[in-house]
């Protein structure tokens, strides 16, 4: 796995880069095959907080963790811990699904591309994201939403090839908005 480290308002020293590469590189032990994707690490200073954002796109899954701490090294450790929890949770769900007959490959590199772009529109759009809609089932979309830590997720429904949205309701259950 390649690791791309970028700093915003901060100089990435060689010791900081080595530490981040070492810690994030240890995530490869959770995969059966070498990952052929790039982990993107963004280090930035926001007020007095050091923020570490790690994104690892895989096939059918986007692992992402963002942590803010006073110490950058602690933030890297906490981000790696979050990613480990996400991987373990996903693998547990995959194992449960495989026992029921469905198979997924977490090891393969992915084509899910997520990009965040700053937008200066007059309508107060503060972030704009682009990604490839991949056909997936409702269960897979809910899993992806949980992995990202979002309250909703837009996806291409594999059952009827329409665009759909899953969301978390206030009662903790899930809702589905589908096209007619």
N, C-alpha and C. Protein backbone atom coordinates (compact mmCIF):
# COMPACT_ATOMS: atom_id res chain seq x y z
N UNK A 1 0.86 -1.17 0.00
CA UNK A 1 0.00 0.00 0.00
C UNK A 1 0.90 1.23 0.00
N UNK A 2 0.64 2.12 -0.93
CA UNK A 2 1.35 3.38 -0.97
C UNK A 2 0.70 4.33 0.02
N UNK A 3 1.50 5.17 0.64
CA UNK A 3 0.98 6.14 1.60
C UNK A 3 1.40 7.52 1.14
N UNK A 4 0.42 8.36 0.84
CA UNK A 4 0.66 9.72 0.38
C UNK A 4 0.34 10.66 1.54
N UNK A 5 1.36 11.39 2.01
CA UNK A 5 1.18 12.27 3.16
C UNK A 5 1.30 13.71 2.69
N UNK A 6 0.31 14.51 3.10
CA UNK A 6 0.26 15.91 2.69
C UNK A 6 -0.01 16.76 3.92
N UNK A 7 0.62 17.91 3.98
CA UNK A 7 0.42 18.82 5.11
C UNK A 7 -0.21 20.12 4.68
N UNK A 8 -1.21 20.58 5.43
CA UNK A 8 -1.83 21.88 5.20
C UNK A 8 -1.47 22.76 6.41
N UNK A 9 -0.84 23.87 6.15
CA UNK A 9 -0.41 24.80 7.21
C UNK A 9 0.53 24.14 8.21
N UNK A 10 1.22 23.12 7.74
CA UNK A 10 2.15 22.41 8.61
C UNK A 10 3.24 21.80 7.72
N UNK A 11 4.46 21.77 8.23
CA UNK A 11 5.56 21.15 7.51
C UNK A 11 5.67 19.70 7.96
N UNK A 12 5.64 18.79 7.01
CA UNK A 12 5.73 17.36 7.31
C UNK A 12 7.21 17.00 7.40
N UNK A 13 7.68 16.78 8.61
CA UNK A 13 9.08 16.43 8.82
C UNK A 13 9.29 14.96 8.46
N UNK A 14 10.54 14.58 8.28
CA UNK A 14 10.84 13.20 7.92
C UNK A 14 10.47 12.24 9.06
N UNK A 15 10.66 12.65 10.31
CA UNK A 15 10.30 11.78 11.43
C UNK A 15 8.79 11.61 11.52
N UNK A 16 8.04 12.69 11.25
CA UNK A 16 6.59 12.62 11.25
C UNK A 16 6.11 11.72 10.11
N UNK A 17 6.72 11.85 8.94
CA UNK A 17 6.35 11.03 7.79
C UNK A 17 6.67 9.56 8.06
N UNK A 18 7.84 9.28 8.63
CA UNK A 18 8.21 7.89 8.95
C UNK A 18 7.24 7.28 9.96
N UNK A 19 6.86 8.07 10.97
CA UNK A 19 5.94 7.57 11.99
C UNK A 19 4.58 7.25 11.38
N UNK A 20 4.06 8.16 10.55
CA UNK A 20 2.76 7.94 9.93
C UNK A 20 2.80 6.73 9.00
N UNK A 21 3.85 6.60 8.21
CA UNK A 21 3.98 5.46 7.30
C UNK A 21 4.06 4.14 8.08
N UNK A 22 4.80 4.15 9.18
CA UNK A 22 4.95 2.94 9.99
C UNK A 22 3.62 2.53 10.59
N UNK A 23 2.90 3.49 11.19
CA UNK A 23 1.63 3.18 11.86
C UNK A 23 0.54 2.77 10.86
N UNK A 24 0.43 3.49 9.76
CA UNK A 24 -0.62 3.19 8.78
C UNK A 24 -0.26 1.92 8.00
N UNK A 25 1.01 1.70 7.78
CA UNK A 25 1.45 0.49 7.10
C UNK A 25 1.10 -0.78 7.85
N UNK A 26 0.93 -0.70 9.17
CA UNK A 26 0.58 -1.87 9.97
C UNK A 26 -0.85 -2.33 9.71
N UNK A 27 -1.65 -1.51 9.04
CA UNK A 27 -3.03 -1.91 8.71
C UNK A 27 -3.05 -3.03 7.67
N UNK A 28 -1.95 -3.19 6.93
CA UNK A 28 -1.90 -4.23 5.90
C UNK A 28 -2.02 -5.63 6.48
N UNK A 29 -1.74 -5.80 7.76
CA UNK A 29 -1.83 -7.13 8.36
C UNK A 29 -3.26 -7.65 8.39
N UNK A 30 -4.24 -6.75 8.23
CA UNK A 30 -5.64 -7.16 8.25
C UNK A 30 -6.12 -7.68 6.89
N UNK A 31 -5.31 -7.56 5.87
CA UNK A 31 -5.70 -7.98 4.53
C UNK A 31 -4.90 -9.21 4.12
N UNK A 32 -5.56 -10.11 3.40
CA UNK A 32 -4.89 -11.35 2.98
C UNK A 32 -3.87 -11.11 1.88
N UNK A 33 -4.16 -10.18 1.00
CA UNK A 33 -3.27 -9.89 -0.12
C UNK A 33 -2.77 -8.45 0.00
N UNK A 34 -1.65 -8.13 -0.63
CA UNK A 34 -1.18 -6.74 -0.59
C UNK A 34 -2.21 -5.80 -1.23
N UNK A 35 -2.38 -4.66 -0.64
CA UNK A 35 -3.35 -3.68 -1.14
C UNK A 35 -2.67 -2.87 -2.24
N UNK A 36 -3.37 -2.74 -3.35
CA UNK A 36 -2.81 -2.01 -4.49
C UNK A 36 -3.49 -0.66 -4.62
N UNK A 37 -3.62 0.05 -3.54
CA UNK A 37 -4.23 1.37 -3.54
C UNK A 37 -3.36 2.29 -2.70
N UNK A 38 -3.67 3.55 -2.72
CA UNK A 38 -2.90 4.53 -1.96
C UNK A 38 -3.72 5.05 -0.79
N UNK A 39 -3.12 5.02 0.37
CA UNK A 39 -3.73 5.64 1.54
C UNK A 39 -3.34 7.12 1.51
N UNK A 40 -4.34 7.97 1.62
CA UNK A 40 -4.08 9.41 1.61
C UNK A 40 -4.18 9.93 3.04
N UNK A 41 -3.11 10.58 3.49
CA UNK A 41 -3.05 11.13 4.83
C UNK A 41 -2.92 12.64 4.70
N UNK A 42 -3.83 13.35 5.33
CA UNK A 42 -3.81 14.81 5.30
C UNK A 42 -3.60 15.31 6.73
N UNK A 43 -2.53 16.03 6.95
CA UNK A 43 -2.21 16.60 8.26
C UNK A 43 -2.46 18.09 8.18
N UNK A 44 -3.19 18.63 9.16
CA UNK A 44 -3.45 20.06 9.13
C UNK A 44 -3.61 20.60 10.55
N UNK A 45 -3.44 21.91 10.64
CA UNK A 45 -3.62 22.59 11.91
C UNK A 45 -4.90 23.40 11.81
N UNK A 46 -5.80 23.19 12.75
CA UNK A 46 -7.06 23.92 12.79
C UNK A 46 -7.19 24.51 14.19
N UNK A 47 -7.12 25.83 14.26
CA UNK A 47 -7.02 26.55 15.54
C UNK A 47 -5.78 26.02 16.27
N UNK A 48 -5.95 25.47 17.46
CA UNK A 48 -4.80 24.91 18.19
C UNK A 48 -4.82 23.39 18.14
N UNK A 49 -5.63 22.83 17.25
CA UNK A 49 -5.80 21.39 17.17
C UNK A 49 -5.07 20.83 15.94
N UNK A 50 -4.36 19.74 16.15
CA UNK A 50 -3.67 19.03 15.05
C UNK A 50 -4.65 17.99 14.52
N UNK A 51 -5.01 18.06 13.25
CA UNK A 51 -6.01 17.17 12.67
C UNK A 51 -5.33 16.22 11.68
N UNK A 52 -5.63 14.93 11.84
CA UNK A 52 -5.14 13.90 10.93
C UNK A 52 -6.35 13.27 10.25
N UNK A 53 -6.32 13.26 8.92
CA UNK A 53 -7.40 12.66 8.14
C UNK A 53 -6.78 11.59 7.25
N UNK A 54 -7.26 10.34 7.39
CA UNK A 54 -6.74 9.22 6.62
C UNK A 54 -7.87 8.63 5.79
N UNK A 55 -7.63 8.46 4.49
CA UNK A 55 -8.62 7.88 3.59
C UNK A 55 -7.96 6.74 2.82
N UNK A 56 -8.61 5.57 2.85
CA UNK A 56 -8.11 4.40 2.12
C UNK A 56 -9.26 3.86 1.27
N UNK A 57 -9.24 4.13 -0.04
CA UNK A 57 -10.30 3.60 -0.90
C UNK A 57 -10.00 2.16 -1.28
N UNK A 58 -10.98 1.28 -1.06
CA UNK A 58 -10.88 -0.13 -1.44
C UNK A 58 -12.07 -0.45 -2.32
N UNK A 59 -12.06 -1.60 -2.93
CA UNK A 59 -13.18 -1.99 -3.78
C UNK A 59 -14.41 -2.22 -2.92
N UNK A 60 -15.43 -1.43 -3.16
CA UNK A 60 -16.68 -1.58 -2.43
C UNK A 60 -16.66 -1.00 -1.03
N UNK A 61 -15.60 -0.32 -0.65
CA UNK A 61 -15.49 0.19 0.71
C UNK A 61 -14.55 1.39 0.74
N UNK A 62 -14.89 2.35 1.54
CA UNK A 62 -14.03 3.50 1.73
C UNK A 62 -13.75 3.63 3.22
N UNK A 63 -12.51 3.39 3.62
CA UNK A 63 -12.12 3.53 5.03
C UNK A 63 -11.67 4.96 5.24
N UNK A 64 -12.20 5.61 6.28
CA UNK A 64 -11.86 7.01 6.52
C UNK A 64 -11.90 7.27 8.01
N UNK A 65 -10.90 8.02 8.48
CA UNK A 65 -10.85 8.41 9.89
C UNK A 65 -10.31 9.84 9.97
N UNK A 66 -10.92 10.63 10.82
CA UNK A 66 -10.45 12.00 11.05
C UNK A 66 -10.41 12.22 12.55
N UNK A 67 -9.25 12.64 13.03
CA UNK A 67 -9.05 12.83 14.47
C UNK A 67 -8.33 14.14 14.70
N UNK A 68 -8.78 14.88 15.70
CA UNK A 68 -8.12 16.11 16.10
C UNK A 68 -7.62 16.01 17.53
N UNK A 69 -6.37 16.33 17.74
CA UNK A 69 -5.74 16.27 19.07
C UNK A 69 -4.73 17.40 19.19
N UNK A 70 -4.23 17.62 20.39
CA UNK A 70 -3.18 18.62 20.58
C UNK A 70 -1.84 18.13 20.05
N UNK A 71 -1.62 16.81 20.14
CA UNK A 71 -0.37 16.21 19.69
C UNK A 71 -0.61 15.45 18.39
N UNK A 72 0.19 15.71 17.38
CA UNK A 72 0.02 15.09 16.07
C UNK A 72 0.26 13.59 16.10
N UNK A 73 1.23 13.14 16.87
CA UNK A 73 1.53 11.71 16.97
C UNK A 73 0.36 10.96 17.62
N UNK A 74 -0.25 11.55 18.63
CA UNK A 74 -1.42 10.95 19.27
C UNK A 74 -2.58 10.89 18.30
N UNK A 75 -2.76 11.93 17.49
CA UNK A 75 -3.83 11.96 16.50
C UNK A 75 -3.65 10.85 15.47
N UNK A 76 -2.40 10.60 15.05
CA UNK A 76 -2.13 9.52 14.10
C UNK A 76 -2.50 8.17 14.72
N UNK A 77 -2.10 7.97 15.98
CA UNK A 77 -2.42 6.71 16.67
C UNK A 77 -3.93 6.51 16.77
N UNK A 78 -4.67 7.56 17.12
CA UNK A 78 -6.12 7.44 17.25
C UNK A 78 -6.79 7.19 15.90
N UNK A 79 -6.27 7.80 14.85
CA UNK A 79 -6.83 7.57 13.51
C UNK A 79 -6.61 6.12 13.08
N UNK A 80 -5.43 5.58 13.36
CA UNK A 80 -5.15 4.18 13.02
C UNK A 80 -6.06 3.25 13.83
N UNK A 81 -6.30 3.58 15.10
CA UNK A 81 -7.22 2.78 15.92
C UNK A 81 -8.63 2.78 15.34
N UNK A 82 -9.08 3.94 14.89
CA UNK A 82 -10.40 4.02 14.26
C UNK A 82 -10.47 3.16 13.02
N UNK A 83 -9.43 3.23 12.19
CA UNK A 83 -9.41 2.43 10.97
C UNK A 83 -9.39 0.93 11.29
N UNK A 84 -8.66 0.54 12.31
CA UNK A 84 -8.62 -0.87 12.72
C UNK A 84 -10.01 -1.34 13.12
N UNK A 85 -10.74 -0.51 13.89
CA UNK A 85 -12.09 -0.87 14.30
C UNK A 85 -13.00 -1.01 13.08
N UNK A 86 -12.86 -0.10 12.12
CA UNK A 86 -13.69 -0.17 10.91
C UNK A 86 -13.40 -1.45 10.13
N UNK A 87 -12.13 -1.80 9.99
CA UNK A 87 -11.76 -3.01 9.25
C UNK A 87 -12.30 -4.24 9.96
N UNK A 88 -12.12 -4.32 11.28
CA UNK A 88 -12.61 -5.48 12.03
C UNK A 88 -14.13 -5.59 11.93
N UNK A 89 -14.81 -4.47 12.03
CA UNK A 89 -16.27 -4.47 11.93
C UNK A 89 -16.71 -4.95 10.55
N UNK A 90 -16.04 -4.46 9.53
CA UNK A 90 -16.39 -4.85 8.16
C UNK A 90 -16.11 -6.33 7.93
N UNK A 91 -14.97 -6.81 8.40
CA UNK A 91 -14.62 -8.22 8.21
C UNK A 91 -15.61 -9.12 8.96
N UNK A 92 -16.05 -8.71 10.14
CA UNK A 92 -17.03 -9.49 10.89
C UNK A 92 -18.33 -9.58 10.11
N UNK A 93 -18.76 -8.47 9.55
CA UNK A 93 -20.00 -8.49 8.75
C UNK A 93 -19.82 -9.33 7.50
N UNK A 94 -18.65 -9.26 6.87
CA UNK A 94 -18.41 -10.08 5.68
C UNK A 94 -18.41 -11.56 6.02
N UNK A 95 -17.80 -11.92 7.14
CA UNK A 95 -17.78 -13.32 7.55
C UNK A 95 -19.19 -13.80 7.84
N UNK A 96 -19.99 -12.96 8.47
CA UNK A 96 -21.37 -13.31 8.76
C UNK A 96 -22.14 -13.49 7.45
N UNK A 97 -21.89 -12.59 6.49
CA UNK A 97 -22.56 -12.69 5.19
C UNK A 97 -22.10 -13.91 4.42
N UNK A 98 -20.80 -14.23 4.49
CA UNK A 98 -20.28 -15.37 3.72
C UNK A 98 -20.86 -16.67 4.25
N UNK A 99 -21.15 -16.72 5.52
CA UNK A 99 -21.80 -17.90 6.07
C UNK A 99 -23.20 -18.05 5.50
N UNK A 100 -23.79 -16.94 5.09
CA UNK A 100 -25.13 -16.98 4.52
C UNK A 100 -25.07 -17.15 3.01
N UNK A 101 -23.88 -17.23 2.41
CA UNK A 101 -23.76 -17.50 0.99
C UNK A 101 -23.23 -16.35 0.17
N UNK A 102 -23.24 -15.12 0.68
CA UNK A 102 -22.75 -13.98 -0.10
C UNK A 102 -21.25 -13.84 0.12
N UNK A 103 -20.51 -13.47 -0.93
CA UNK A 103 -19.06 -13.29 -0.83
C UNK A 103 -18.68 -11.89 -1.26
N UNK A 104 -17.73 -11.30 -0.54
CA UNK A 104 -17.19 -10.00 -0.91
C UNK A 104 -15.69 -10.08 -0.76
N UNK A 105 -14.97 -9.29 -1.55
CA UNK A 105 -13.51 -9.28 -1.46
C UNK A 105 -13.04 -7.94 -0.92
N UNK A 106 -12.56 -7.92 0.30
CA UNK A 106 -12.02 -6.70 0.90
C UNK A 106 -10.58 -6.48 0.45
N UNK A 107 -9.93 -7.56 -0.01
CA UNK A 107 -8.52 -7.47 -0.33
C UNK A 107 -8.22 -6.71 -1.62
N UNK A 108 -9.16 -6.66 -2.54
CA UNK A 108 -8.89 -6.07 -3.85
C UNK A 108 -8.91 -4.56 -3.79
N UNK A 109 -8.08 -3.96 -4.56
CA UNK A 109 -8.04 -2.50 -4.63
C UNK A 109 -9.30 -2.02 -5.32
N UNK A 110 -9.70 -0.78 -5.02
CA UNK A 110 -10.99 -0.33 -5.49
C UNK A 110 -10.97 0.77 -6.50
N UNK A 111 -12.15 0.98 -7.04
CA UNK A 111 -12.33 2.05 -8.01
C UNK A 111 -13.20 3.17 -7.43
N UNK A 112 -13.55 3.04 -6.15
CA UNK A 112 -14.33 4.10 -5.53
C UNK A 112 -13.43 5.30 -5.35
N UNK A 113 -13.78 6.35 -5.98
CA UNK A 113 -12.96 7.55 -5.91
C UNK A 113 -13.77 8.62 -5.20
N UNK A 114 -13.21 9.12 -4.13
CA UNK A 114 -13.87 10.19 -3.40
C UNK A 114 -12.94 11.38 -3.41
N UNK A 115 -13.49 12.52 -3.76
CA UNK A 115 -12.68 13.72 -3.85
C UNK A 115 -13.43 14.87 -3.20
N UNK A 116 -12.78 15.61 -2.36
CA UNK A 116 -13.40 16.76 -1.74
C UNK A 116 -12.83 18.01 -2.38
N UNK A 117 -13.72 18.90 -2.79
CA UNK A 117 -13.31 20.12 -3.47
C UNK A 117 -13.96 21.30 -2.76
N UNK A 118 -13.16 22.32 -2.49
CA UNK A 118 -13.72 23.54 -1.93
C UNK A 118 -14.49 24.26 -3.02
N UNK A 119 -15.66 24.77 -2.70
CA UNK A 119 -16.50 25.42 -3.69
C UNK A 119 -16.92 26.78 -3.15
N UNK A 120 -16.78 27.82 -3.94
CA UNK A 120 -17.08 29.17 -3.49
C UNK A 120 -18.35 29.69 -4.13
N UNK A 121 -19.40 28.91 -4.11
CA UNK A 121 -20.68 29.30 -4.67
C UNK A 121 -21.39 30.24 -3.70
N UNK A 122 -22.32 31.00 -4.21
CA UNK A 122 -23.07 31.96 -3.40
C UNK A 122 -24.13 31.27 -2.54
N UNK A 123 -24.38 29.99 -2.77
CA UNK A 123 -25.43 29.27 -2.05
C UNK A 123 -24.90 28.55 -0.81
N UNK A 124 -23.78 28.99 -0.28
CA UNK A 124 -23.19 28.44 0.94
C UNK A 124 -22.83 26.96 0.83
N UNK A 125 -22.43 26.51 -0.33
CA UNK A 125 -21.91 25.15 -0.48
C UNK A 125 -20.48 25.19 0.00
N UNK A 126 -20.20 24.48 1.09
CA UNK A 126 -18.86 24.54 1.67
C UNK A 126 -17.98 23.38 1.24
N UNK A 127 -18.59 22.26 0.83
CA UNK A 127 -17.81 21.13 0.33
C UNK A 127 -18.57 20.45 -0.78
N UNK A 128 -17.83 19.90 -1.69
CA UNK A 128 -18.43 19.20 -2.81
C UNK A 128 -17.68 17.89 -2.97
N UNK A 129 -18.40 16.78 -3.01
CA UNK A 129 -17.76 15.47 -3.14
C UNK A 129 -18.20 14.82 -4.43
N UNK A 130 -17.25 14.15 -5.06
CA UNK A 130 -17.51 13.39 -6.27
C UNK A 130 -17.12 11.94 -6.01
N UNK A 131 -17.98 11.02 -6.43
CA UNK A 131 -17.61 9.62 -6.31
C UNK A 131 -18.34 8.81 -7.37
N UNK A 132 -17.83 7.62 -7.61
CA UNK A 132 -18.39 6.73 -8.61
C UNK A 132 -19.51 5.92 -7.96
N UNK A 133 -20.70 5.97 -8.56
CA UNK A 133 -21.80 5.14 -8.07
C UNK A 133 -21.55 3.71 -8.50
N UNK A 134 -21.47 2.82 -7.54
CA UNK A 134 -21.29 1.42 -7.84
C UNK A 134 -22.57 0.70 -7.48
N UNK A 135 -23.00 -0.25 -8.29
CA UNK A 135 -24.18 -1.03 -7.92
C UNK A 135 -23.90 -1.80 -6.64
N UNK A 136 -24.81 -1.68 -5.68
CA UNK A 136 -24.69 -2.42 -4.43
C UNK A 136 -26.07 -2.66 -3.85
N UNK A 137 -26.16 -3.63 -2.96
CA UNK A 137 -27.43 -3.92 -2.31
C UNK A 137 -27.65 -2.92 -1.18
N UNK A 138 -28.86 -2.93 -0.64
CA UNK A 138 -29.19 -2.03 0.45
C UNK A 138 -28.32 -2.34 1.67
N UNK A 139 -28.08 -3.63 1.95
CA UNK A 139 -27.25 -4.02 3.09
C UNK A 139 -25.82 -3.50 2.93
N UNK A 140 -25.28 -3.60 1.73
CA UNK A 140 -23.93 -3.09 1.48
C UNK A 140 -23.87 -1.58 1.64
N UNK A 141 -24.93 -0.88 1.21
CA UNK A 141 -24.97 0.58 1.35
C UNK A 141 -25.03 0.98 2.82
N UNK A 142 -25.79 0.26 3.62
CA UNK A 142 -25.86 0.54 5.06
C UNK A 142 -24.50 0.30 5.71
N UNK A 143 -23.83 -0.77 5.31
CA UNK A 143 -22.49 -1.07 5.82
C UNK A 143 -21.52 0.05 5.45
N UNK A 144 -21.56 0.50 4.21
CA UNK A 144 -20.68 1.59 3.75
C UNK A 144 -20.98 2.87 4.53
N UNK A 145 -22.26 3.17 4.76
CA UNK A 145 -22.65 4.35 5.52
C UNK A 145 -22.09 4.28 6.94
N UNK A 146 -22.19 3.12 7.56
CA UNK A 146 -21.64 2.95 8.91
C UNK A 146 -20.13 3.12 8.93
N UNK A 147 -19.45 2.57 7.93
CA UNK A 147 -17.99 2.69 7.87
C UNK A 147 -17.55 4.14 7.74
N UNK A 148 -18.32 4.93 7.00
CA UNK A 148 -17.97 6.34 6.83
C UNK A 148 -18.41 7.19 8.02
N UNK A 149 -19.30 6.66 8.84
CA UNK A 149 -19.79 7.42 9.98
C UNK A 149 -20.79 8.49 9.59
N UNK A 150 -21.46 8.31 8.46
CA UNK A 150 -22.43 9.29 7.99
C UNK A 150 -23.83 8.88 8.40
N UNK A 151 -24.78 9.81 8.28
CA UNK A 151 -26.16 9.51 8.61
C UNK A 151 -26.97 9.13 7.38
N UNK A 152 -26.39 9.28 6.19
CA UNK A 152 -27.05 8.85 4.96
C UNK A 152 -26.00 8.44 3.95
N UNK A 153 -26.45 7.70 2.90
CA UNK A 153 -25.53 7.26 1.86
C UNK A 153 -26.31 7.10 0.56
N UNK A 154 -25.81 7.73 -0.52
CA UNK A 154 -26.42 7.64 -1.84
C UNK A 154 -25.69 6.54 -2.61
N UNK A 155 -26.47 5.67 -3.28
CA UNK A 155 -25.86 4.55 -3.99
C UNK A 155 -26.71 4.14 -5.18
N UNK A 156 -26.15 3.30 -6.04
CA UNK A 156 -26.87 2.76 -7.19
C UNK A 156 -27.38 1.38 -6.77
N UNK A 157 -28.70 1.23 -6.66
CA UNK A 157 -29.31 0.00 -6.19
C UNK A 157 -29.13 -1.11 -7.22
N UNK A 158 -28.46 -2.19 -6.84
CA UNK A 158 -28.16 -3.29 -7.76
C UNK A 158 -29.42 -4.06 -8.15
N UNK A 159 -30.47 -3.99 -7.31
CA UNK A 159 -31.68 -4.76 -7.58
C UNK A 159 -32.46 -4.21 -8.77
N UNK A 160 -32.57 -2.88 -8.86
CA UNK A 160 -33.35 -2.30 -9.95
C UNK A 160 -32.59 -1.23 -10.73
N UNK A 161 -31.29 -1.11 -10.50
CA UNK A 161 -30.42 -0.17 -11.21
C UNK A 161 -30.91 1.27 -11.14
N UNK A 162 -31.40 1.67 -9.96
CA UNK A 162 -31.84 3.05 -9.76
C UNK A 162 -31.01 3.68 -8.65
N UNK A 163 -31.03 5.00 -8.60
CA UNK A 163 -30.33 5.70 -7.55
C UNK A 163 -31.20 5.69 -6.29
N UNK A 164 -30.58 5.40 -5.16
CA UNK A 164 -31.32 5.30 -3.90
C UNK A 164 -30.50 5.92 -2.78
N UNK A 165 -31.16 6.17 -1.65
CA UNK A 165 -30.52 6.74 -0.47
C UNK A 165 -30.94 5.92 0.74
N UNK A 166 -29.97 5.49 1.53
CA UNK A 166 -30.27 4.90 2.84
C UNK A 166 -29.91 5.93 3.89
N UNK A 167 -30.65 5.95 4.99
CA UNK A 167 -30.39 6.91 6.04
C UNK A 167 -30.72 6.30 7.40
N UNK A 168 -30.10 6.86 8.43
CA UNK A 168 -30.35 6.40 9.79
C UNK A 168 -31.46 7.26 10.39
N UNK A 169 -32.48 6.59 10.88
CA UNK A 169 -33.62 7.29 11.49
C UNK A 169 -33.29 7.64 12.94
N UNK A 170 -34.08 8.52 13.52
CA UNK A 170 -33.84 8.93 14.91
C UNK A 170 -34.00 7.77 15.88
N UNK A 171 -34.82 6.77 15.52
CA UNK A 171 -35.01 5.62 16.41
C UNK A 171 -33.91 4.57 16.27
N UNK A 172 -32.87 4.85 15.40
CA UNK A 172 -31.74 3.95 15.26
C UNK A 172 -31.88 2.96 14.11
N UNK A 173 -33.08 2.84 13.55
CA UNK A 173 -33.28 1.94 12.42
C UNK A 173 -32.91 2.68 11.14
N UNK A 174 -33.06 2.01 10.00
CA UNK A 174 -32.65 2.57 8.72
C UNK A 174 -33.85 2.82 7.83
N UNK A 175 -33.72 3.84 6.99
CA UNK A 175 -34.74 4.15 6.00
C UNK A 175 -34.14 4.07 4.62
N UNK A 176 -35.01 3.89 3.60
CA UNK A 176 -34.58 3.80 2.21
C UNK A 176 -35.44 4.72 1.37
N UNK A 177 -34.81 5.58 0.62
CA UNK A 177 -35.50 6.44 -0.34
C UNK A 177 -35.10 5.92 -1.72
N UNK A 178 -36.11 5.52 -2.52
CA UNK A 178 -35.84 4.91 -3.80
C UNK A 178 -36.62 5.64 -4.89
N UNK A 179 -36.14 5.58 -6.11
CA UNK A 179 -36.82 6.20 -7.24
C UNK A 179 -38.03 5.37 -7.64
N UNK A 180 -39.04 6.04 -8.21
CA UNK A 180 -40.19 5.30 -8.75
C UNK A 180 -39.96 5.03 -10.20
